[in-house]
Amino acid sequence: MKELIMKSLNKIRPMLQRDGGDVELVDVSSDGIVSVKMQGACGNCPGAMMTIKGVIEATLKEEVPGVKEVIGV
């Protein structure tokens, strides 16, 4: 599962990097909770939670079976 998550995050990365940010995979729990850390300009952006839920979580749920939620840490 972790490998599929990394592949999906690599698809999202260019969008984040255009805005001066990035995302780091922190953890994947056995019950499908994915923890990510926003970096760079995305780390303190007021829209970071919208990016986590609206872009990252939606993409991972669509592409990776077993992902239930994505949280920012």
C-alpha atoms as a PDB file:
ATOM      1  CA  MET A   1       0.000   0.000   0.000  1.00  0.00           C
ATOM      2  CA  LYS A   2       2.814   2.402   0.870  1.00  0.00           C
ATOM      3  CA  GLU A   3       4.346   2.045  -2.597  1.00  0.00           C
ATOM      4  CA  LEU A   4       1.010   2.891  -4.271  1.00  0.00           C
ATOM      5  CA  ILE A   5       0.609   5.903  -1.992  1.00  0.00           C
ATOM      6  CA  MET A   6       4.070   7.160  -2.931  1.00  0.00           C
ATOM      7  CA  LYS A   7       3.250   6.783  -6.643  1.00  0.00           C
ATOM      8  CA  SER A   8       0.064   8.813  -6.179  1.00  0.00           C
ATOM      9  CA  LEU A   9       1.854  11.492  -4.154  1.00  0.00           C
ATOM     10  CA  ASN A  10       4.450  11.762  -6.910  1.00  0.00           C
ATOM     11  CA  LYS A  11       1.624  12.624  -9.326  1.00  0.00           C
ATOM     12  CA  ILE A  12       0.392  15.394  -6.978  1.00  0.00           C
ATOM     13  CA  ARG A  13       3.851  16.808  -6.192  1.00  0.00           C
ATOM     14  CA  PRO A  14       4.310  18.948  -9.332  1.00  0.00           C
ATOM     15  CA  MET A  15       1.157  20.927  -8.508  1.00  0.00           C
ATOM     16  CA  LEU A  16       2.420  21.599  -4.975  1.00  0.00           C
ATOM     17  CA  GLN A  17       5.935  22.418  -6.154  1.00  0.00           C
ATOM     18  CA  ARG A  18       4.609  25.038  -8.593  1.00  0.00           C
ATOM     19  CA  ASP A  19       3.369  26.909  -5.512  1.00  0.00           C
ATOM     20  CA  GLY A  20       6.650  26.451  -3.634  1.00  0.00           C
ATOM     21  CA  GLY A  21       5.517  23.510  -1.512  1.00  0.00           C
ATOM     22  CA  ASP A  22       5.674  19.763  -1.241  1.00  0.00           C
ATOM     23  CA  VAL A  23       4.231  16.849   0.718  1.00  0.00           C
ATOM     24  CA  GLU A  24       5.964  14.195   2.804  1.00  0.00           C
ATOM     25  CA  LEU A  25       4.483  10.804   3.653  1.00  0.00           C
ATOM     26  CA  VAL A  26       4.828  10.366   7.415  1.00  0.00           C
ATOM     27  CA  ASP A  27       2.912   7.173   8.177  1.00  0.00           C
ATOM     28  CA  VAL A  28       0.359   4.679   6.915  1.00  0.00           C
ATOM     29  CA  SER A  29      -1.623   2.937   9.644  1.00  0.00           C
ATOM     30  CA  SER A  30      -2.959  -0.580   9.351  1.00  0.00           C
ATOM     31  CA  ASP A  31      -6.516   0.781   9.309  1.00  0.00           C
ATOM     32  CA  GLY A  32      -5.980   2.989   6.229  1.00  0.00           C
ATOM     33  CA  ILE A  33      -5.153   6.346   7.833  1.00  0.00           C
ATOM     34  CA  VAL A  34      -2.424   8.170   5.908  1.00  0.00           C
ATOM     35  CA  SER A  35      -0.439  10.890   7.683  1.00  0.00           C
ATOM     36  CA  VAL A  36       1.247  13.537   5.566  1.00  0.00           C
ATOM     37  CA  LYS A  37       3.255  16.651   6.320  1.00  0.00           C
ATOM     38  CA  MET A  38       2.970  19.667   4.087  1.00  0.00           C
ATOM     39  CA  GLN A  39       6.306  21.354   3.405  1.00  0.00           C
ATOM     40  CA  GLY A  40       7.646  24.625   2.075  1.00  0.00           C
ATOM     41  CA  ALA A  41       5.045  27.232   1.215  1.00  0.00           C
ATOM     42  CA  CYS A  42       2.319  24.625   1.729  1.00  0.00           C
ATOM     43  CA  GLY A  43       3.434  24.026   5.315  1.00  0.00           C
ATOM     44  CA  ASN A  44       1.955  27.259   6.630  1.00  0.00           C
ATOM     45  CA  CYS A  45      -0.573  28.000   3.919  1.00  0.00           C
ATOM     46  CA  PRO A  46      -4.124  28.685   5.149  1.00  0.00           C
ATOM     47  CA  GLY A  47      -5.410  26.380   2.390  1.00  0.00           C
ATOM     48  CA  ALA A  48      -3.237  23.405   3.392  1.00  0.00           C
ATOM     49  CA  MET A  49      -6.133  21.484   4.961  1.00  0.00           C
ATOM     50  CA  MET A  50      -8.228  22.002   1.827  1.00  0.00           C
ATOM     51  CA  THR A  51      -5.333  20.642  -0.238  1.00  0.00           C
ATOM     52  CA  ILE A  52      -4.961  17.634   2.072  1.00  0.00           C
ATOM     53  CA  LYS A  53      -8.663  16.768   1.989  1.00  0.00           C
ATOM     54  CA  GLY A  54      -9.683  17.998  -1.455  1.00  0.00           C
ATOM     55  CA  VAL A  55      -6.683  16.920  -3.499  1.00  0.00           C
ATOM     56  CA  ILE A  56      -4.465  14.463  -1.652  1.00  0.00           C
ATOM     57  CA  GLU A  57      -7.173  12.473   0.149  1.00  0.00           C
ATOM     58  CA  ALA A  58      -9.441  12.370  -2.898  1.00  0.00           C
ATOM     59  CA  THR A  59      -6.608  11.178  -5.140  1.00  0.00           C
ATOM     60  CA  LEU A  60      -5.370   8.536  -2.706  1.00  0.00           C
ATOM     61  CA  LYS A  61      -8.874   7.171  -2.054  1.00  0.00           C
ATOM     62  CA  GLU A  62      -9.409   6.873  -5.811  1.00  0.00           C
ATOM     63  CA  GLU A  63      -6.054   5.295  -6.637  1.00  0.00           C
ATOM     64  CA  VAL A  64      -5.115   3.250  -3.551  1.00  0.00           C
ATOM     65  CA  PRO A  65      -7.463   0.570  -2.207  1.00  0.00           C
ATOM     66  CA  GLY A  66      -7.754   0.673   1.573  1.00  0.00           C
ATOM     67  CA  VAL A  67      -7.070   4.391   2.128  1.00  0.00           C
ATOM     68  CA  LYS A  68      -9.818   5.701   4.420  1.00  0.00           C
ATOM     69  CA  GLU A  69      -8.535   9.135   5.430  1.00  0.00           C
ATOM     70  CA  VAL A  70      -5.586  11.474   5.018  1.00  0.00           C
ATOM     71  CA  ILE A  71      -4.555  13.673   7.924  1.00  0.00           C
ATOM     72  CA  GLY A  72      -1.981  16.436   8.192  1.00  0.00           C
ATOM     73  CA  VAL A  73       0.608  16.306  10.948  1.00  0.00           C
END
